[in-house]
Amino acid sequence: MANMDLEEAKKAENYLLKNEGKELTRLDDQHNGFKTYIGSNYVAPLSTIPRGPKKILELGAGSGIWAAEMAEEFPGAQVIAADKAPIKGEMPKNVTTTVVDLSKSDWPWTKGEFDIVHGRFLFIHLSNAPEVLKRVFELVAPGGYALLEDSSHHIFSSSPETDPVLPAVKTFHDTGAHLQAQRGLDTSIGEKYEGYLKESGLFEEVGVTKIDVPMLPWTDDAKLNDLGAAVKHSFVVAFYGALPMIPEQMRAGFKSMTDNWKAGVDEEGHKFFVPYYFAWGRKKSA
């Protein structure tokens, strides 16, 4: 990235967007896009939880929309929505909001406390994600579920030989991944969740649903095309919205690369995907 200093990149905040206004709208729109496509707020077989979940924890809750909808689906459950920033807005009566910095060690929860623990588009922003995931797994009660959801920066083409990912698009994703790695962040963590769950030895069943999201509406699946439009819009809002938070000496280079990326993903005739991974693990029974 032109004129970008890696040392400055390392100092930048892990999450560059303020948890308010347009950012909350962006997150909610993205949430609604995935929910509409999947037909649910989760892909795991939660019906296996005896008598339904009684306690649910959402980490990195943003606006709290997932927590609120789960509270409505499971009115007998106590739902906790946790985020680094205060969560505003009205919530169902069975939702409690709390401010917690997950990168720190002083969590207010105990081992085995929750039937469901959920983190979406969260661990990609944590430099100590592997350690945090170990603690997350410990919070899940026997027979309960860990739900982990993230993307991967490995954008790909449906026909790599005849229609390779455009250089401007690939450069943007690869450079972003490199800069994030300099700060200890893993932009391909989504594709590793299945491995983390299995390697922990704590889960009796592990599953993953991979959703390849198109950047243009060319597929035969109208719902998938709609999801692609929502995801691309989310990318555009996020990438340009992050500009004011980027160190000044890096800003011009980042904007130039973002402009080139947008022109590339908007160019008709290309069949590019961004992969998303919805992973889950059911904790071993006591």
C-alpha atoms as a PDB file:
ATOM      1  CA  MET A   1       0.000   0.000   0.000  1.00  0.00           C
ATOM      2  CA  ALA A   2       1.569   3.259  -1.110  1.00  0.00           C
ATOM      3  CA  ASN A   3       3.147   5.403   1.591  1.00  0.00           C
ATOM      4  CA  MET A   4       1.945   3.133   4.389  1.00  0.00           C
ATOM      5  CA  ASP A   5       4.151   2.555   7.416  1.00  0.00           C
ATOM      6  CA  LEU A   6       3.807  -0.897   8.978  1.00  0.00           C
ATOM      7  CA  GLU A   7       4.730   0.472  12.391  1.00  0.00           C
ATOM      8  CA  GLU A   8       1.812   2.889  12.155  1.00  0.00           C
ATOM      9  CA  ALA A   9      -0.423   0.036  11.046  1.00  0.00           C
ATOM     10  CA  LYS A  10       0.526  -1.904  14.154  1.00  0.00           C
ATOM     11  CA  LYS A  11      -0.519   1.034  16.347  1.00  0.00           C
ATOM     12  CA  ALA A  12      -3.935   1.425  14.747  1.00  0.00           C
ATOM     13  CA  GLU A  13      -7.011   0.252  16.619  1.00  0.00           C
ATOM     14  CA  ASN A  14      -7.988  -3.355  15.878  1.00  0.00           C
ATOM     15  CA  TYR A  15     -11.546  -2.261  15.139  1.00  0.00           C
ATOM     16  CA  LEU A  16     -11.428   1.015  13.227  1.00  0.00           C
ATOM     17  CA  LEU A  17     -15.157   1.774  13.092  1.00  0.00           C
ATOM     18  CA  LYS A  18     -17.065   3.484  15.890  1.00  0.00           C
ATOM     19  CA  ASN A  19     -19.910   1.386  17.272  1.00  0.00           C
ATOM     20  CA  GLU A  20     -22.617   3.927  16.449  1.00  0.00           C
ATOM     21  CA  GLY A  21     -24.763   5.399  13.692  1.00  0.00           C
ATOM     22  CA  LYS A  22     -23.845   4.165  10.221  1.00  0.00           C
ATOM     23  CA  GLU A  23     -21.696   1.362  11.608  1.00  0.00           C
ATOM     24  CA  LEU A  24     -24.572  -0.131  13.593  1.00  0.00           C
ATOM     25  CA  THR A  25     -26.822   0.178  10.541  1.00  0.00           C
ATOM     26  CA  ARG A  26     -24.157  -1.569   8.448  1.00  0.00           C
ATOM     27  CA  LEU A  27     -23.879  -4.418  10.944  1.00  0.00           C
ATOM     28  CA  ASP A  28     -27.657  -4.797  11.180  1.00  0.00           C
ATOM     29  CA  ASP A  29     -28.041  -4.833   7.387  1.00  0.00           C
ATOM     30  CA  GLN A  30     -25.347  -7.506   7.153  1.00  0.00           C
ATOM     31  CA  HIS A  31     -27.065  -9.501   9.910  1.00  0.00           C
ATOM     32  CA  ASN A  32     -30.389  -9.308   8.071  1.00  0.00           C
ATOM     33  CA  GLY A  33     -28.746 -10.392   4.825  1.00  0.00           C
ATOM     34  CA  PHE A  34     -27.342 -13.566   6.356  1.00  0.00           C
ATOM     35  CA  LYS A  35     -30.513 -14.301   8.319  1.00  0.00           C
ATOM     36  CA  THR A  36     -32.646 -14.020   5.184  1.00  0.00           C
ATOM     37  CA  TYR A  37     -30.325 -16.300   3.232  1.00  0.00           C
ATOM     38  CA  ILE A  38     -29.922 -18.923   5.979  1.00  0.00           C
ATOM     39  CA  GLY A  39     -33.517 -18.651   7.144  1.00  0.00           C
ATOM     40  CA  SER A  40     -32.416 -18.510  10.772  1.00  0.00           C
ATOM     41  CA  ASN A  41     -30.028 -16.828  13.192  1.00  0.00           C
ATOM     42  CA  TYR A  42     -27.927 -19.995  13.385  1.00  0.00           C
ATOM     43  CA  VAL A  43     -27.020 -23.148  11.475  1.00  0.00           C
ATOM     44  CA  ALA A  44     -26.391 -25.429  14.475  1.00  0.00           C
ATOM     45  CA  PRO A  45     -29.018 -28.009  15.579  1.00  0.00           C
ATOM     46  CA  LEU A  46     -29.913 -26.161  18.778  1.00  0.00           C
ATOM     47  CA  SER A  47     -33.011 -28.316  19.210  1.00  0.00           C
ATOM     48  CA  THR A  48     -30.735 -30.929  20.811  1.00  0.00           C
ATOM     49  CA  ILE A  49     -30.428 -28.760  23.933  1.00  0.00           C
ATOM     50  CA  PRO A  50     -32.685 -30.456  26.517  1.00  0.00           C
ATOM     51  CA  ARG A  51     -35.745 -28.286  27.212  1.00  0.00           C
ATOM     52  CA  GLY A  52     -34.195 -25.469  25.166  1.00  0.00           C
ATOM     53  CA  PRO A  53     -31.443 -22.991  26.084  1.00  0.00           C
ATOM     54  CA  LYS A  54     -31.732 -21.265  29.444  1.00  0.00           C
ATOM     55  CA  LYS A  55     -28.746 -18.937  29.160  1.00  0.00           C
ATOM     56  CA  ILE A  56     -27.278 -17.411  25.983  1.00  0.00           C
ATOM     57  CA  LEU A  57     -24.220 -15.181  25.604  1.00  0.00           C
ATOM     58  CA  GLU A  58     -23.435 -13.069  22.555  1.00  0.00           C
ATOM     59  CA  LEU A  59     -19.902 -11.688  22.349  1.00  0.00           C
ATOM     60  CA  GLY A  60     -19.183  -8.581  20.274  1.00  0.00           C
ATOM     61  CA  ALA A  61     -22.910  -7.894  20.082  1.00  0.00           C
ATOM     62  CA  GLY A  62     -22.793  -4.572  18.185  1.00  0.00           C
ATOM     63  CA  SER A  63     -26.345  -3.209  18.207  1.00  0.00           C
ATOM     64  CA  GLY A  64     -27.548  -6.347  19.987  1.00  0.00           C
ATOM     65  CA  ILE A  65     -29.839  -7.406  17.124  1.00  0.00           C
ATOM     66  CA  TRP A  66     -28.834 -11.097  17.224  1.00  0.00           C
ATOM     67  CA  ALA A  67     -29.251 -11.236  21.001  1.00  0.00           C
ATOM     68  CA  ALA A  68     -32.644  -9.522  20.808  1.00  0.00           C
ATOM     69  CA  GLU A  69     -33.935 -11.913  18.155  1.00  0.00           C
ATOM     70  CA  MET A  70     -32.669 -14.952  20.054  1.00  0.00           C
ATOM     71  CA  ALA A  71     -34.398 -13.641  23.179  1.00  0.00           C
ATOM     72  CA  GLU A  72     -37.659 -13.481  21.242  1.00  0.00           C
ATOM     73  CA  GLU A  73     -37.166 -16.969  19.798  1.00  0.00           C
ATOM     74  CA  PHE A  74     -36.316 -18.393  23.231  1.00  0.00           C
ATOM     75  CA  PRO A  75     -38.414 -16.348  25.694  1.00  0.00           C
ATOM     76  CA  GLY A  76     -37.495 -18.692  28.535  1.00  0.00           C
ATOM     77  CA  ALA A  77     -33.797 -17.926  28.157  1.00  0.00           C
ATOM     78  CA  GLN A  78     -31.717 -15.270  29.841  1.00  0.00           C
ATOM     79  CA  VAL A  79     -29.680 -13.566  27.092  1.00  0.00           C
ATOM     80  CA  ILE A  80     -26.560 -11.490  27.699  1.00  0.00           C
ATOM     81  CA  ALA A  81     -25.277  -9.154  24.961  1.00  0.00           C
ATOM     82  CA  ALA A  82     -21.662  -8.136  25.566  1.00  0.00           C
ATOM     83  CA  ASP A  83     -19.627  -5.595  23.638  1.00  0.00           C
ATOM     84  CA  LYS A  84     -16.618  -3.342  24.137  1.00  0.00           C
ATOM     85  CA  ALA A  85     -18.911  -0.320  23.705  1.00  0.00           C
ATOM     86  CA  PRO A  86     -22.236   0.293  25.472  1.00  0.00           C
ATOM     87  CA  ILE A  87     -25.219  -1.193  23.628  1.00  0.00           C
ATOM     88  CA  LYS A  88     -27.990   1.353  23.156  1.00  0.00           C
ATOM     89  CA  GLY A  89     -31.619   0.951  22.263  1.00  0.00           C
ATOM     90  CA  GLU A  90     -34.573  -0.970  23.663  1.00  0.00           C
ATOM     91  CA  MET A  91     -34.165  -4.690  24.273  1.00  0.00           C
ATOM     92  CA  PRO A  92     -36.537  -7.530  25.188  1.00  0.00           C
ATOM     93  CA  LYS A  93     -37.002  -7.975  28.927  1.00  0.00           C
ATOM     94  CA  ASN A  94     -34.919 -11.148  28.980  1.00  0.00           C
ATOM     95  CA  VAL A  95     -31.833  -9.407  27.526  1.00  0.00           C
ATOM     96  CA  THR A  96     -29.083  -7.914  29.677  1.00  0.00           C
ATOM     97  CA  THR A  97     -26.370  -5.779  28.095  1.00  0.00           C
ATOM     98  CA  THR A  98     -22.866  -5.429  29.468  1.00  0.00           C
ATOM     99  CA  VAL A  99     -19.563  -3.779  28.537  1.00  0.00           C
ATOM    100  CA  VAL A 100     -16.640  -6.204  28.384  1.00  0.00           C
ATOM    101  CA  ASP A 101     -13.252  -5.970  26.670  1.00  0.00           C
ATOM    102  CA  LEU A 102     -12.732  -9.545  25.540  1.00  0.00           C
ATOM    103  CA  SER A 103      -9.021  -8.997  24.958  1.00  0.00           C
ATOM    104  CA  LYS A 104      -8.615  -8.577  28.728  1.00  0.00           C
ATOM    105  CA  SER A 105      -8.686 -11.343  31.321  1.00  0.00           C
ATOM    106  CA  ASP A 106     -11.367 -10.046  33.704  1.00  0.00           C
ATOM    107  CA  TRP A 107     -14.512 -11.623  32.276  1.00  0.00           C
ATOM    108  CA  PRO A 108     -17.591 -11.671  34.556  1.00  0.00           C
ATOM    109  CA  TRP A 109     -18.647 -15.227  33.619  1.00  0.00           C
ATOM    110  CA  THR A 110     -17.864 -18.706  34.905  1.00  0.00           C
ATOM    111  CA  LYS A 111     -16.997 -21.973  33.185  1.00  0.00           C
ATOM    112  CA  GLY A 112     -19.978 -23.939  31.890  1.00  0.00           C
ATOM    113  CA  GLU A 113     -22.381 -21.053  32.449  1.00  0.00           C
ATOM    114  CA  PHE A 114     -24.047 -20.858  29.018  1.00  0.00           C
ATOM    115  CA  ASP A 115     -26.042 -23.172  26.780  1.00  0.00           C
ATOM    116  CA  ILE A 116     -25.062 -21.044  23.771  1.00  0.00           C
ATOM    117  CA  VAL A 117     -22.073 -18.756  23.247  1.00  0.00           C
ATOM    118  CA  HIS A 118     -22.025 -16.828  19.969  1.00  0.00           C
ATOM    119  CA  GLY A 119     -19.411 -14.683  18.250  1.00  0.00           C
ATOM    120  CA  ARG A 120     -19.932 -13.295  14.748  1.00  0.00           C
ATOM    121  CA  PHE A 121     -17.304 -11.254  12.857  1.00  0.00           C
ATOM    122  CA  LEU A 122     -15.538 -10.799  16.194  1.00  0.00           C
ATOM    123  CA  PHE A 123     -12.412 -12.900  16.562  1.00  0.00           C
ATOM    124  CA  ILE A 124     -11.013 -11.547  13.301  1.00  0.00           C
ATOM    125  CA  HIS A 125     -10.516  -8.305  15.265  1.00  0.00           C
ATOM    126  CA  LEU A 126      -8.696  -9.831  18.269  1.00  0.00           C
ATOM    127  CA  SER A 127      -4.917 -10.176  18.253  1.00  0.00           C
ATOM    128  CA  ASN A 128      -5.120 -12.876  20.930  1.00  0.00           C
ATOM    129  CA  ALA A 129      -7.993 -14.751  19.264  1.00  0.00           C
ATOM    130  CA  PRO A 130      -6.671 -18.315  19.856  1.00  0.00           C
ATOM    131  CA  GLU A 131      -6.360 -17.663  23.601  1.00  0.00           C
ATOM    132  CA  VAL A 132      -9.759 -15.958  23.728  1.00  0.00           C
ATOM    133  CA  LEU A 133     -11.372 -18.885  21.903  1.00  0.00           C
ATOM    134  CA  LYS A 134     -10.053 -21.310  24.516  1.00  0.00           C
ATOM    135  CA  ARG A 135     -11.785 -19.269  27.209  1.00  0.00           C
ATOM    136  CA  VAL A 136     -14.955 -19.016  25.126  1.00  0.00           C
ATOM    137  CA  PHE A 137     -15.093 -22.794  24.801  1.00  0.00           C
ATOM    138  CA  GLU A 138     -14.862 -23.124  28.590  1.00  0.00           C
ATOM    139  CA  LEU A 139     -17.973 -20.964  29.026  1.00  0.00           C
ATOM    140  CA  VAL A 140     -20.154 -23.496  27.183  1.00  0.00           C
ATOM    141  CA  ALA A 141     -22.157 -25.882  29.365  1.00  0.00           C
ATOM    142  CA  PRO A 142     -22.150 -29.656  28.718  1.00  0.00           C
ATOM    143  CA  GLY A 143     -24.460 -30.312  25.764  1.00  0.00           C
ATOM    144  CA  GLY A 144     -24.378 -26.620  24.839  1.00  0.00           C
ATOM    145  CA  TYR A 145     -23.069 -24.921  21.713  1.00  0.00           C
ATOM    146  CA  ALA A 146     -20.284 -22.596  20.640  1.00  0.00           C
ATOM    147  CA  LEU A 147     -21.268 -20.674  17.492  1.00  0.00           C
ATOM    148  CA  LEU A 148     -18.412 -19.001  15.571  1.00  0.00           C
ATOM    149  CA  GLU A 149     -18.865 -17.045  12.355  1.00  0.00           C
ATOM    150  CA  ASP A 150     -16.378 -15.135  10.220  1.00  0.00           C
ATOM    151  CA  SER A 151     -15.139 -14.550   6.696  1.00  0.00           C
ATOM    152  CA  SER A 152     -11.762 -15.172   5.097  1.00  0.00           C
ATOM    153  CA  HIS A 153      -9.742 -12.686   3.067  1.00  0.00           C
ATOM    154  CA  HIS A 154      -9.135 -15.410   0.466  1.00  0.00           C
ATOM    155  CA  ILE A 155     -11.409 -13.969  -2.240  1.00  0.00           C
ATOM    156  CA  PHE A 156     -11.552 -16.328  -5.199  1.00  0.00           C
ATOM    157  CA  SER A 157     -12.914 -16.736  -8.729  1.00  0.00           C
ATOM    158  CA  SER A 158     -15.312 -19.406  -9.966  1.00  0.00           C
ATOM    159  CA  SER A 159     -12.990 -19.865 -12.979  1.00  0.00           C
ATOM    160  CA  PRO A 160      -9.444 -19.018 -11.844  1.00  0.00           C
ATOM    161  CA  GLU A 161      -7.842 -20.079 -15.127  1.00  0.00           C
ATOM    162  CA  THR A 162     -10.039 -17.993 -17.427  1.00  0.00           C
ATOM    163  CA  ASP A 163     -11.299 -15.304 -15.019  1.00  0.00           C
ATOM    164  CA  PRO A 164      -8.689 -14.752 -12.295  1.00  0.00           C
ATOM    165  CA  VAL A 165      -9.345 -12.295  -9.484  1.00  0.00           C
ATOM    166  CA  LEU A 166      -8.416  -8.839 -10.773  1.00  0.00           C
ATOM    167  CA  PRO A 167      -5.008  -7.620  -9.528  1.00  0.00           C
ATOM    168  CA  ALA A 168      -6.502  -4.537  -7.841  1.00  0.00           C
ATOM    169  CA  VAL A 169      -8.972  -6.694  -5.907  1.00  0.00           C
ATOM    170  CA  LYS A 170      -6.429  -9.343  -4.939  1.00  0.00           C
ATOM    171  CA  THR A 171      -3.865  -6.699  -3.948  1.00  0.00           C
ATOM    172  CA  PHE A 172      -6.379  -4.988  -1.675  1.00  0.00           C
ATOM    173  CA  HIS A 173      -7.334  -8.194   0.141  1.00  0.00           C
ATOM    174  CA  ASP A 174      -3.765  -9.500   0.366  1.00  0.00           C
ATOM    175  CA  THR A 175      -2.325  -6.171   1.531  1.00  0.00           C
ATOM    176  CA  GLY A 176      -5.059  -5.766   4.103  1.00  0.00           C
ATOM    177  CA  ALA A 177      -4.377  -9.268   5.403  1.00  0.00           C
ATOM    178  CA  HIS A 178      -0.641  -8.539   5.577  1.00  0.00           C
ATOM    179  CA  LEU A 179      -1.135  -5.292   7.496  1.00  0.00           C
ATOM    180  CA  GLN A 180      -3.575  -6.947   9.874  1.00  0.00           C
ATOM    181  CA  ALA A 181      -1.098  -9.772  10.444  1.00  0.00           C
ATOM    182  CA  GLN A 182       1.475  -7.169  11.486  1.00  0.00           C
ATOM    183  CA  ARG A 183      -0.926  -6.327  14.318  1.00  0.00           C
ATOM    184  CA  GLY A 184      -1.484  -9.967  15.240  1.00  0.00           C
ATOM    185  CA  LEU A 185      -4.861 -10.305  13.505  1.00  0.00           C
ATOM    186  CA  ASP A 186      -5.857 -13.307  11.397  1.00  0.00           C
ATOM    187  CA  THR A 187      -8.106 -12.328   8.483  1.00  0.00           C
ATOM    188  CA  SER A 188      -8.566 -15.964   7.476  1.00  0.00           C
ATOM    189  CA  ILE A 189      -9.651 -17.104  10.943  1.00  0.00           C
ATOM    190  CA  GLY A 190     -13.106 -18.115   9.706  1.00  0.00           C
ATOM    191  CA  GLU A 191     -11.713 -21.072   7.782  1.00  0.00           C
ATOM    192  CA  LYS A 192      -9.884 -22.237  10.928  1.00  0.00           C
ATOM    193  CA  TYR A 193     -12.826 -22.397  13.338  1.00  0.00           C
ATOM    194  CA  GLU A 194     -13.599 -26.022  12.584  1.00  0.00           C
ATOM    195  CA  GLY A 195     -10.013 -26.924  13.458  1.00  0.00           C
ATOM    196  CA  TYR A 196     -10.026 -24.894  16.671  1.00  0.00           C
ATOM    197  CA  LEU A 197     -13.226 -26.594  17.818  1.00  0.00           C
ATOM    198  CA  LYS A 198     -11.948 -30.093  17.058  1.00  0.00           C
ATOM    199  CA  GLU A 199      -8.462 -29.527  18.464  1.00  0.00           C
ATOM    200  CA  SER A 200      -9.886 -28.327  21.787  1.00  0.00           C
ATOM    201  CA  GLY A 201     -11.135 -31.863  22.511  1.00  0.00           C
ATOM    202  CA  LEU A 202     -14.178 -30.369  24.255  1.00  0.00           C
ATOM    203  CA  PHE A 203     -16.836 -30.948  21.616  1.00  0.00           C
ATOM    204  CA  GLU A 204     -18.550 -34.205  20.691  1.00  0.00           C
ATOM    205  CA  GLU A 205     -19.817 -32.884  17.372  1.00  0.00           C
ATOM    206  CA  VAL A 206     -18.526 -30.099  15.131  1.00  0.00           C
ATOM    207  CA  GLY A 207     -20.077 -28.702  11.971  1.00  0.00           C
ATOM    208  CA  VAL A 208     -19.401 -25.885   9.512  1.00  0.00           C
ATOM    209  CA  THR A 209     -21.447 -24.281   6.770  1.00  0.00           C
ATOM    210  CA  LYS A 210     -19.415 -22.437   4.131  1.00  0.00           C
ATOM    211  CA  ILE A 211     -21.224 -19.715   2.214  1.00  0.00           C
ATOM    212  CA  ASP A 212     -19.461 -18.415  -0.886  1.00  0.00           C
ATOM    213  CA  VAL A 213     -20.858 -14.910  -1.286  1.00  0.00           C
ATOM    214  CA  PRO A 214     -20.800 -13.458  -4.837  1.00  0.00           C
ATOM    215  CA  MET A 215     -19.696  -9.862  -5.342  1.00  0.00           C
ATOM    216  CA  LEU A 216     -22.066  -9.440  -8.317  1.00  0.00           C
ATOM    217  CA  PRO A 217     -25.610 -10.894  -8.786  1.00  0.00           C
ATOM    218  CA  TRP A 218     -24.732 -13.486 -11.419  1.00  0.00           C
ATOM    219  CA  THR A 219     -25.763 -16.754  -9.717  1.00  0.00           C
ATOM    220  CA  ASP A 220     -29.068 -18.597 -10.219  1.00  0.00           C
ATOM    221  CA  ASP A 221     -29.851 -18.198  -6.502  1.00  0.00           C
ATOM    222  CA  ALA A 222     -31.747 -14.935  -5.964  1.00  0.00           C
ATOM    223  CA  LYS A 223     -31.294 -15.079  -2.181  1.00  0.00           C
ATOM    224  CA  LEU A 224     -27.549 -15.587  -2.568  1.00  0.00           C
ATOM    225  CA  ASN A 225     -27.380 -12.645  -4.980  1.00  0.00           C
ATOM    226  CA  ASP A 226     -29.245 -10.490  -2.446  1.00  0.00           C
ATOM    227  CA  LEU A 227     -26.808 -11.575   0.254  1.00  0.00           C
ATOM    228  CA  GLY A 228     -23.918 -10.666  -2.035  1.00  0.00           C
ATOM    229  CA  ALA A 229     -25.336  -7.183  -2.553  1.00  0.00           C
ATOM    230  CA  ALA A 230     -25.694  -6.725   1.212  1.00  0.00           C
ATOM    231  CA  VAL A 231     -22.157  -7.954   1.896  1.00  0.00           C
ATOM    232  CA  LYS A 232     -20.587  -5.811  -0.821  1.00  0.00           C
ATOM    233  CA  HIS A 233     -22.450  -2.752   0.441  1.00  0.00           C
ATOM    234  CA  SER A 234     -21.212  -3.579   3.939  1.00  0.00           C
ATOM    235  CA  PHE A 235     -17.639  -3.761   2.644  1.00  0.00           C
ATOM    236  CA  VAL A 236     -17.940  -0.399   0.884  1.00  0.00           C
ATOM    237  CA  VAL A 237     -19.375   1.330   3.951  1.00  0.00           C
ATOM    238  CA  ALA A 238     -16.759  -0.265   6.223  1.00  0.00           C
ATOM    239  CA  PHE A 239     -13.708   0.386   4.046  1.00  0.00           C
ATOM    240  CA  TYR A 240     -14.555   4.024   3.357  1.00  0.00           C
ATOM    241  CA  GLY A 241     -15.913   4.544   6.854  1.00  0.00           C
ATOM    242  CA  ALA A 242     -12.573   3.483   8.305  1.00  0.00           C
ATOM    243  CA  LEU A 243     -10.651   6.223   6.473  1.00  0.00           C
ATOM    244  CA  PRO A 244     -10.954   8.913   9.195  1.00  0.00           C
ATOM    245  CA  MET A 245      -9.603   6.443  11.783  1.00  0.00           C
ATOM    246  CA  ILE A 246      -6.492   5.549   9.777  1.00  0.00           C
ATOM    247  CA  PRO A 247      -3.260   7.470  10.536  1.00  0.00           C
ATOM    248  CA  GLU A 248      -3.028  10.471   8.229  1.00  0.00           C
ATOM    249  CA  GLN A 249       0.176   9.371   6.522  1.00  0.00           C
ATOM    250  CA  MET A 250      -1.538   6.095   5.531  1.00  0.00           C
ATOM    251  CA  ARG A 251      -4.874   7.550   4.440  1.00  0.00           C
ATOM    252  CA  ALA A 252      -4.168   8.500   0.826  1.00  0.00           C
ATOM    253  CA  GLY A 253      -2.689   5.098   0.051  1.00  0.00           C
ATOM    254  CA  PHE A 254      -5.599   3.278   1.658  1.00  0.00           C
ATOM    255  CA  LYS A 255      -8.184   5.364  -0.207  1.00  0.00           C
ATOM    256  CA  SER A 256      -6.448   4.779  -3.544  1.00  0.00           C
ATOM    257  CA  MET A 257      -6.417   1.032  -2.984  1.00  0.00           C
ATOM    258  CA  THR A 258     -10.047   1.096  -1.853  1.00  0.00           C
ATOM    259  CA  ASP A 259     -11.093   3.006  -4.979  1.00  0.00           C
ATOM    260  CA  ASN A 260      -9.302   0.441  -7.154  1.00  0.00           C
ATOM    261  CA  TRP A 261     -10.874  -2.445  -5.209  1.00  0.00           C
ATOM    262  CA  LYS A 262     -14.386  -1.019  -5.634  1.00  0.00           C
ATOM    263  CA  ALA A 263     -13.871  -0.500  -9.363  1.00  0.00           C
ATOM    264  CA  GLY A 264     -12.717  -4.117  -9.611  1.00  0.00           C
ATOM    265  CA  VAL A 265     -15.609  -5.728  -7.735  1.00  0.00           C
ATOM    266  CA  ASP A 266     -18.092  -3.530  -9.635  1.00  0.00           C
ATOM    267  CA  GLU A 267     -16.728  -4.575 -13.034  1.00  0.00           C
ATOM    268  CA  GLU A 268     -19.329  -6.650 -14.849  1.00  0.00           C
ATOM    269  CA  GLY A 269     -18.514 -10.121 -16.114  1.00  0.00           C
ATOM    270  CA  HIS A 270     -16.375 -11.312 -13.200  1.00  0.00           C
ATOM    271  CA  LYS A 271     -17.494 -14.105 -10.868  1.00  0.00           C
ATOM    272  CA  PHE A 272     -15.708 -13.434  -7.585  1.00  0.00           C
ATOM    273  CA  PHE A 273     -16.653 -14.839  -4.168  1.00  0.00           C
ATOM    274  CA  VAL A 274     -15.815 -14.034  -0.559  1.00  0.00           C
ATOM    275  CA  PRO A 275     -16.073 -17.143   1.671  1.00  0.00           C
ATOM    276  CA  TYR A 276     -17.901 -17.042   5.008  1.00  0.00           C
ATOM    277  CA  TYR A 277     -17.774 -19.819   7.590  1.00  0.00           C
ATOM    278  CA  PHE A 278     -20.541 -20.573  10.114  1.00  0.00           C
ATOM    279  CA  ALA A 279     -19.024 -23.116  12.504  1.00  0.00           C
ATOM    280  CA  TRP A 280     -20.456 -24.745  15.602  1.00  0.00           C
ATOM    281  CA  GLY A 281     -19.508 -27.261  18.227  1.00  0.00           C
ATOM    282  CA  ARG A 282     -21.683 -29.191  20.703  1.00  0.00           C
ATOM    283  CA  LYS A 283     -19.964 -29.590  24.053  1.00  0.00           C
ATOM    284  CA  LYS A 284     -19.444 -33.084  25.398  1.00  0.00           C
ATOM    285  CA  SER A 285     -22.027 -34.132  27.953  1.00  0.00           C
ATOM    286  CA  ALA A 286     -20.931 -34.205  31.564  1.00  0.00           C
END
